[in-house]
Amino acid sequence: MLVSVALASGGLLLWPMLKGATEGGLTSAAAVQLINREKAVVIDVCEADEFAAGHVGGAKHIALNQLEERLPAVVKNKTLPLILVCQSGARSGRAVAIAKKLGYEKAQSLAGGLGAWKSANLPIEKG
């Protein structure tokens, strides 16, 4: 009985770590480091009205439904790190799959999206 309780509690303690490992995504701090150190390109995959309302400073806008067609023209160097951003992180997760299919192996999603960026008090541009 005690062994099963110990195993169950151990499993519950490990669950958040396992869940975090499968979610993936880049923290805001790690994204800033990639931008500063490796000249990562930030692509916002939100709709045009969401992008105009606020986006990561210096981000380029390509709506998710246009990503496959426009990304190769906007980011020609496929060896640069690519940070994909949306409002919450859901669309950017799908965008990473598209970017990797196109050959951008260093593509990553910003975990938590623009909300996490704002929570970290990082610069937002409007317009």
N, C-alpha and C. Protein backbone atom coordinates (compact mmCIF):
# COMPACT_ATOMS: atom_id res chain seq x y z
N MET A 1 0.83 -1.20 0.00
CA MET A 1 0.00 0.00 0.00
C MET A 1 0.87 1.26 0.00
N LEU A 2 1.88 1.28 0.87
CA LEU A 2 2.76 2.45 0.95
C LEU A 2 3.55 2.65 -0.35
N VAL A 3 3.95 1.55 -0.97
CA VAL A 3 4.69 1.63 -2.22
C VAL A 3 3.83 2.26 -3.31
N SER A 4 2.57 1.84 -3.39
CA SER A 4 1.69 2.41 -4.43
C SER A 4 1.42 3.89 -4.17
N VAL A 5 1.31 4.30 -2.92
CA VAL A 5 1.11 5.72 -2.59
C VAL A 5 2.36 6.52 -2.98
N ALA A 6 3.54 5.96 -2.71
CA ALA A 6 4.80 6.63 -3.06
C ALA A 6 4.93 6.78 -4.57
N LEU A 7 4.60 5.74 -5.30
CA LEU A 7 4.67 5.81 -6.77
C LEU A 7 3.67 6.82 -7.33
N ALA A 8 2.47 6.84 -6.80
CA ALA A 8 1.45 7.78 -7.27
C ALA A 8 1.87 9.21 -6.99
N SER A 9 2.39 9.48 -5.79
CA SER A 9 2.80 10.85 -5.48
C SER A 9 4.01 11.26 -6.30
N GLY A 10 4.92 10.33 -6.56
CA GLY A 10 6.06 10.63 -7.42
C GLY A 10 5.63 10.96 -8.83
N GLY A 11 4.66 10.20 -9.32
CA GLY A 11 4.13 10.48 -10.65
C GLY A 11 3.47 11.84 -10.74
N LEU A 12 2.74 12.21 -9.71
CA LEU A 12 2.09 13.52 -9.70
C LEU A 12 3.11 14.65 -9.63
N LEU A 13 4.22 14.41 -8.94
CA LEU A 13 5.28 15.43 -8.88
C LEU A 13 5.99 15.58 -10.22
N LEU A 14 6.13 14.50 -10.95
CA LEU A 14 6.82 14.54 -12.25
C LEU A 14 5.93 15.05 -13.38
N TRP A 15 4.64 14.95 -13.23
CA TRP A 15 3.71 15.34 -14.29
C TRP A 15 3.96 16.74 -14.85
N PRO A 16 4.12 17.80 -14.04
CA PRO A 16 4.36 19.13 -14.62
C PRO A 16 5.63 19.20 -15.46
N MET A 17 6.69 18.50 -15.05
CA MET A 17 7.92 18.51 -15.83
C MET A 17 7.71 17.80 -17.16
N LEU A 18 7.04 16.67 -17.14
CA LEU A 18 6.79 15.95 -18.38
C LEU A 18 5.88 16.73 -19.31
N LYS A 19 4.88 17.37 -18.74
CA LYS A 19 3.96 18.18 -19.54
C LYS A 19 4.70 19.35 -20.16
N GLY A 20 5.56 20.01 -19.40
CA GLY A 20 6.34 21.14 -19.91
C GLY A 20 7.30 20.71 -21.00
N ALA A 21 7.86 19.52 -20.90
CA ALA A 21 8.80 19.04 -21.90
C ALA A 21 8.10 18.78 -23.23
N THR A 22 6.84 18.39 -23.20
CA THR A 22 6.16 18.11 -24.45
C THR A 22 5.54 19.37 -25.06
N GLU A 23 5.28 20.37 -24.24
CA GLU A 23 4.68 21.59 -24.78
C GLU A 23 5.67 22.35 -25.65
N GLY A 24 6.93 22.35 -25.27
CA GLY A 24 7.93 23.07 -26.04
C GLY A 24 7.71 24.55 -25.95
N GLY A 25 8.32 25.25 -26.85
CA GLY A 25 8.19 26.69 -26.86
C GLY A 25 9.35 27.35 -26.16
N LEU A 26 9.56 28.55 -26.54
CA LEU A 26 10.67 29.36 -26.09
C LEU A 26 10.17 30.37 -25.07
N THR A 27 10.88 30.55 -23.97
CA THR A 27 10.49 31.58 -23.00
C THR A 27 10.82 32.95 -23.59
N SER A 28 10.23 33.97 -23.04
CA SER A 28 10.50 35.33 -23.51
C SER A 28 11.98 35.68 -23.33
N ALA A 29 12.56 35.29 -22.20
CA ALA A 29 13.98 35.58 -21.95
C ALA A 29 14.87 34.87 -22.96
N ALA A 30 14.56 33.61 -23.27
CA ALA A 30 15.35 32.87 -24.24
C ALA A 30 15.19 33.47 -25.64
N ALA A 31 14.00 33.97 -25.94
CA ALA A 31 13.76 34.61 -27.23
C ALA A 31 14.61 35.88 -27.37
N VAL A 32 14.67 36.68 -26.32
CA VAL A 32 15.48 37.90 -26.34
C VAL A 32 16.95 37.54 -26.57
N GLN A 33 17.42 36.49 -25.92
CA GLN A 33 18.81 36.06 -26.12
C GLN A 33 19.05 35.64 -27.56
N LEU A 34 18.13 34.90 -28.14
CA LEU A 34 18.27 34.49 -29.54
C LEU A 34 18.29 35.69 -30.48
N ILE A 35 17.44 36.66 -30.19
CA ILE A 35 17.38 37.86 -31.03
C ILE A 35 18.69 38.63 -30.94
N ASN A 36 19.19 38.81 -29.73
CA ASN A 36 20.41 39.60 -29.53
C ASN A 36 21.69 38.87 -29.95
N ARG A 37 21.79 37.60 -29.65
CA ARG A 37 23.03 36.86 -29.89
C ARG A 37 23.12 36.21 -31.26
N GLU A 38 21.99 35.73 -31.76
CA GLU A 38 22.03 34.96 -33.01
C GLU A 38 21.22 35.61 -34.13
N LYS A 39 20.79 36.85 -33.91
CA LYS A 39 20.02 37.59 -34.92
C LYS A 39 18.78 36.83 -35.39
N ALA A 40 18.07 36.26 -34.43
CA ALA A 40 16.84 35.52 -34.75
C ALA A 40 15.82 36.46 -35.39
N VAL A 41 15.05 35.92 -36.29
CA VAL A 41 13.99 36.67 -36.96
C VAL A 41 12.67 36.35 -36.29
N VAL A 42 11.91 37.38 -35.93
CA VAL A 42 10.62 37.19 -35.27
C VAL A 42 9.52 37.35 -36.32
N ILE A 43 8.69 36.34 -36.43
CA ILE A 43 7.56 36.35 -37.37
C ILE A 43 6.28 36.25 -36.57
N ASP A 44 5.40 37.24 -36.74
CA ASP A 44 4.10 37.24 -36.08
C ASP A 44 3.09 36.64 -37.05
N VAL A 45 2.43 35.56 -36.63
CA VAL A 45 1.50 34.86 -37.51
C VAL A 45 0.04 35.20 -37.23
N CYS A 46 -0.20 36.30 -36.50
CA CYS A 46 -1.56 36.75 -36.20
C CYS A 46 -2.22 37.33 -37.45
N GLU A 47 -3.51 37.61 -37.33
CA GLU A 47 -4.22 38.31 -38.39
C GLU A 47 -3.77 39.78 -38.40
N ALA A 48 -4.05 40.47 -39.48
CA ALA A 48 -3.58 41.85 -39.66
C ALA A 48 -4.07 42.80 -38.56
N ASP A 49 -5.34 42.66 -38.15
CA ASP A 49 -5.86 43.55 -37.10
C ASP A 49 -5.20 43.29 -35.75
N GLU A 50 -4.90 42.03 -35.45
CA GLU A 50 -4.20 41.69 -34.20
C GLU A 50 -2.77 42.24 -34.23
N PHE A 51 -2.11 42.12 -35.37
CA PHE A 51 -0.74 42.63 -35.52
C PHE A 51 -0.71 44.13 -35.33
N ALA A 52 -1.68 44.84 -35.92
CA ALA A 52 -1.74 46.30 -35.79
C ALA A 52 -2.00 46.73 -34.35
N ALA A 53 -2.75 45.93 -33.59
CA ALA A 53 -3.06 46.27 -32.20
C ALA A 53 -1.84 46.16 -31.29
N GLY A 54 -0.86 45.36 -31.68
CA GLY A 54 0.36 45.23 -30.89
C GLY A 54 1.12 43.97 -31.24
N HIS A 55 2.44 44.10 -31.35
CA HIS A 55 3.29 42.96 -31.71
C HIS A 55 4.68 43.14 -31.12
N VAL A 56 5.46 42.08 -31.12
CA VAL A 56 6.84 42.11 -30.63
C VAL A 56 7.61 43.12 -31.47
N GLY A 57 8.42 43.94 -30.80
CA GLY A 57 9.21 44.95 -31.51
C GLY A 57 10.08 44.32 -32.58
N GLY A 58 10.00 44.84 -33.79
CA GLY A 58 10.81 44.36 -34.90
C GLY A 58 10.27 43.13 -35.60
N ALA A 59 9.11 42.64 -35.19
CA ALA A 59 8.54 41.43 -35.80
C ALA A 59 8.05 41.73 -37.22
N LYS A 60 8.16 40.72 -38.06
CA LYS A 60 7.60 40.79 -39.41
C LYS A 60 6.27 40.06 -39.38
N HIS A 61 5.32 40.55 -40.16
CA HIS A 61 3.98 39.96 -40.14
C HIS A 61 3.74 39.07 -41.34
N ILE A 62 3.38 37.84 -41.06
CA ILE A 62 2.89 36.92 -42.09
C ILE A 62 1.75 36.14 -41.42
N ALA A 63 0.53 36.33 -41.89
CA ALA A 63 -0.61 35.60 -41.32
C ALA A 63 -0.40 34.10 -41.50
N LEU A 64 -0.87 33.32 -40.57
CA LEU A 64 -0.66 31.87 -40.59
C LEU A 64 -1.11 31.24 -41.91
N ASN A 65 -2.23 31.70 -42.44
CA ASN A 65 -2.74 31.11 -43.69
C ASN A 65 -1.90 31.46 -44.91
N GLN A 66 -0.95 32.39 -44.78
CA GLN A 66 -0.06 32.78 -45.89
C GLN A 66 1.38 32.35 -45.65
N LEU A 67 1.64 31.72 -44.51
CA LEU A 67 3.01 31.43 -44.11
C LEU A 67 3.77 30.58 -45.12
N GLU A 68 3.16 29.52 -45.58
CA GLU A 68 3.85 28.61 -46.49
C GLU A 68 4.27 29.30 -47.79
N GLU A 69 3.45 30.23 -48.28
CA GLU A 69 3.77 30.92 -49.52
C GLU A 69 4.77 32.07 -49.31
N ARG A 70 4.64 32.82 -48.23
CA ARG A 70 5.42 34.05 -48.05
C ARG A 70 6.71 33.91 -47.25
N LEU A 71 6.82 32.91 -46.38
CA LEU A 71 8.01 32.80 -45.53
C LEU A 71 9.32 32.72 -46.30
N PRO A 72 9.43 31.92 -47.37
CA PRO A 72 10.71 31.87 -48.09
C PRO A 72 11.13 33.22 -48.68
N ALA A 73 10.19 34.07 -49.03
CA ALA A 73 10.53 35.39 -49.57
C ALA A 73 10.94 36.37 -48.47
N VAL A 74 10.35 36.23 -47.29
CA VAL A 74 10.63 37.16 -46.18
C VAL A 74 11.92 36.78 -45.45
N VAL A 75 12.13 35.49 -45.24
CA VAL A 75 13.34 35.01 -44.56
C VAL A 75 14.06 34.06 -45.50
N LYS A 76 15.05 34.59 -46.20
CA LYS A 76 15.76 33.80 -47.20
C LYS A 76 16.79 32.85 -46.57
N ASN A 77 17.41 33.27 -45.46
CA ASN A 77 18.44 32.48 -44.79
C ASN A 77 17.80 31.47 -43.84
N LYS A 78 17.77 30.21 -44.25
CA LYS A 78 17.10 29.18 -43.47
C LYS A 78 17.92 28.72 -42.26
N THR A 79 19.16 29.22 -42.13
CA THR A 79 19.99 28.82 -40.99
C THR A 79 19.79 29.74 -39.78
N LEU A 80 19.14 30.88 -39.98
CA LEU A 80 18.87 31.79 -38.86
C LEU A 80 17.78 31.22 -37.96
N PRO A 81 17.89 31.45 -36.66
CA PRO A 81 16.78 31.04 -35.78
C PRO A 81 15.52 31.83 -36.12
N LEU A 82 14.40 31.18 -36.05
CA LEU A 82 13.12 31.78 -36.37
C LEU A 82 12.23 31.66 -35.14
N ILE A 83 11.68 32.80 -34.68
CA ILE A 83 10.78 32.80 -33.54
C ILE A 83 9.39 33.16 -34.05
N LEU A 84 8.47 32.24 -33.91
CA LEU A 84 7.10 32.44 -34.39
C LEU A 84 6.22 32.81 -33.21
N VAL A 85 5.41 33.87 -33.40
CA VAL A 85 4.62 34.44 -32.32
C VAL A 85 3.18 34.61 -32.77
N CYS A 86 2.24 34.37 -31.84
CA CYS A 86 0.84 34.73 -32.03
C CYS A 86 0.33 35.25 -30.70
N GLN A 87 -0.94 35.41 -30.54
CA GLN A 87 -1.48 35.98 -29.30
C GLN A 87 -1.26 35.06 -28.10
N SER A 88 -1.50 33.76 -28.27
CA SER A 88 -1.45 32.85 -27.11
C SER A 88 -0.43 31.73 -27.24
N GLY A 89 0.08 31.50 -28.43
CA GLY A 89 1.03 30.42 -28.65
C GLY A 89 0.46 29.24 -29.41
N ALA A 90 -0.86 29.22 -29.62
CA ALA A 90 -1.49 28.08 -30.30
C ALA A 90 -1.19 28.10 -31.80
N ARG A 91 -1.42 29.23 -32.46
CA ARG A 91 -1.17 29.31 -33.91
C ARG A 91 0.31 29.21 -34.22
N SER A 92 1.14 29.79 -33.35
CA SER A 92 2.58 29.74 -33.62
C SER A 92 3.11 28.31 -33.53
N GLY A 93 2.47 27.47 -32.73
CA GLY A 93 2.84 26.06 -32.69
C GLY A 93 2.62 25.39 -34.03
N ARG A 94 1.49 25.70 -34.67
CA ARG A 94 1.22 25.16 -36.01
C ARG A 94 2.18 25.76 -37.02
N ALA A 95 2.54 27.04 -36.82
CA ALA A 95 3.46 27.71 -37.73
C ALA A 95 4.85 27.07 -37.70
N VAL A 96 5.27 26.60 -36.53
CA VAL A 96 6.58 25.94 -36.42
C VAL A 96 6.60 24.71 -37.32
N ALA A 97 5.52 23.93 -37.32
CA ALA A 97 5.46 22.74 -38.16
C ALA A 97 5.58 23.11 -39.64
N ILE A 98 4.93 24.18 -40.05
CA ILE A 98 5.01 24.64 -41.44
C ILE A 98 6.43 25.09 -41.76
N ALA A 99 7.04 25.88 -40.87
CA ALA A 99 8.39 26.38 -41.10
C ALA A 99 9.40 25.24 -41.20
N LYS A 100 9.27 24.26 -40.33
CA LYS A 100 10.19 23.12 -40.37
C LYS A 100 10.00 22.32 -41.65
N LYS A 101 8.77 22.23 -42.12
CA LYS A 101 8.51 21.54 -43.39
C LYS A 101 9.20 22.26 -44.55
N LEU A 102 9.32 23.59 -44.43
CA LEU A 102 9.97 24.40 -45.46
C LEU A 102 11.50 24.42 -45.32
N GLY A 103 12.03 23.79 -44.26
CA GLY A 103 13.48 23.71 -44.10
C GLY A 103 14.08 24.63 -43.06
N TYR A 104 13.25 25.31 -42.28
CA TYR A 104 13.73 26.19 -41.20
C TYR A 104 13.84 25.35 -39.93
N GLU A 105 14.97 24.68 -39.77
CA GLU A 105 15.15 23.74 -38.66
C GLU A 105 15.24 24.42 -37.30
N LYS A 106 15.61 25.70 -37.27
CA LYS A 106 15.74 26.43 -36.01
C LYS A 106 14.48 27.22 -35.67
N ALA A 107 13.34 26.84 -36.23
CA ALA A 107 12.07 27.51 -35.94
C ALA A 107 11.55 27.08 -34.58
N GLN A 108 11.10 28.07 -33.79
CA GLN A 108 10.55 27.80 -32.46
C GLN A 108 9.37 28.73 -32.21
N SER A 109 8.49 28.29 -31.36
CA SER A 109 7.32 29.08 -30.99
C SER A 109 7.60 29.79 -29.67
N LEU A 110 7.10 31.01 -29.54
CA LEU A 110 7.20 31.74 -28.27
C LEU A 110 6.13 31.20 -27.34
N ALA A 111 6.54 30.52 -26.27
CA ALA A 111 5.60 29.94 -25.31
C ALA A 111 4.76 31.04 -24.67
N GLY A 112 3.46 30.88 -24.70
CA GLY A 112 2.57 31.89 -24.12
C GLY A 112 2.26 33.03 -25.05
N GLY A 113 2.90 33.08 -26.19
CA GLY A 113 2.63 34.10 -27.20
C GLY A 113 2.89 35.52 -26.74
N LEU A 114 2.16 36.43 -27.34
CA LEU A 114 2.33 37.85 -27.05
C LEU A 114 1.98 38.16 -25.60
N GLY A 115 1.06 37.41 -25.01
CA GLY A 115 0.70 37.61 -23.61
C GLY A 115 1.90 37.41 -22.70
N ALA A 116 2.70 36.37 -22.96
CA ALA A 116 3.90 36.12 -22.15
C ALA A 116 4.94 37.21 -22.37
N TRP A 117 5.03 37.69 -23.60
CA TRP A 117 5.97 38.78 -23.94
C TRP A 117 5.60 40.04 -23.15
N LYS A 118 4.30 40.36 -23.14
CA LYS A 118 3.83 41.54 -22.39
C LYS A 118 4.05 41.36 -20.89
N SER A 119 3.80 40.15 -20.38
CA SER A 119 3.98 39.87 -18.95
C SER A 119 5.42 40.06 -18.52
N ALA A 120 6.35 39.84 -19.43
CA ALA A 120 7.78 40.01 -19.14
C ALA A 120 8.21 41.48 -19.31
N ASN A 121 7.25 42.36 -19.58
CA ASN A 121 7.51 43.80 -19.78
C ASN A 121 8.51 44.07 -20.90
N LEU A 122 8.38 43.32 -21.99
CA LEU A 122 9.24 43.52 -23.15
C LEU A 122 8.55 44.43 -24.15
N PRO A 123 9.31 45.09 -25.03
CA PRO A 123 8.73 46.12 -25.90
C PRO A 123 7.70 45.60 -26.90
N ILE A 124 6.63 46.38 -27.01
CA ILE A 124 5.55 46.11 -27.96
C ILE A 124 5.46 47.30 -28.90
N GLU A 125 5.28 47.00 -30.19
CA GLU A 125 5.04 48.04 -31.19
C GLU A 125 3.58 47.98 -31.62
N LYS A 126 3.05 49.11 -32.01
CA LYS A 126 1.68 49.15 -32.54
C LYS A 126 1.71 49.77 -33.92
N GLY A 127 0.71 49.37 -34.72
CA GLY A 127 0.60 49.96 -36.05
C GLY A 127 0.99 49.02 -37.14
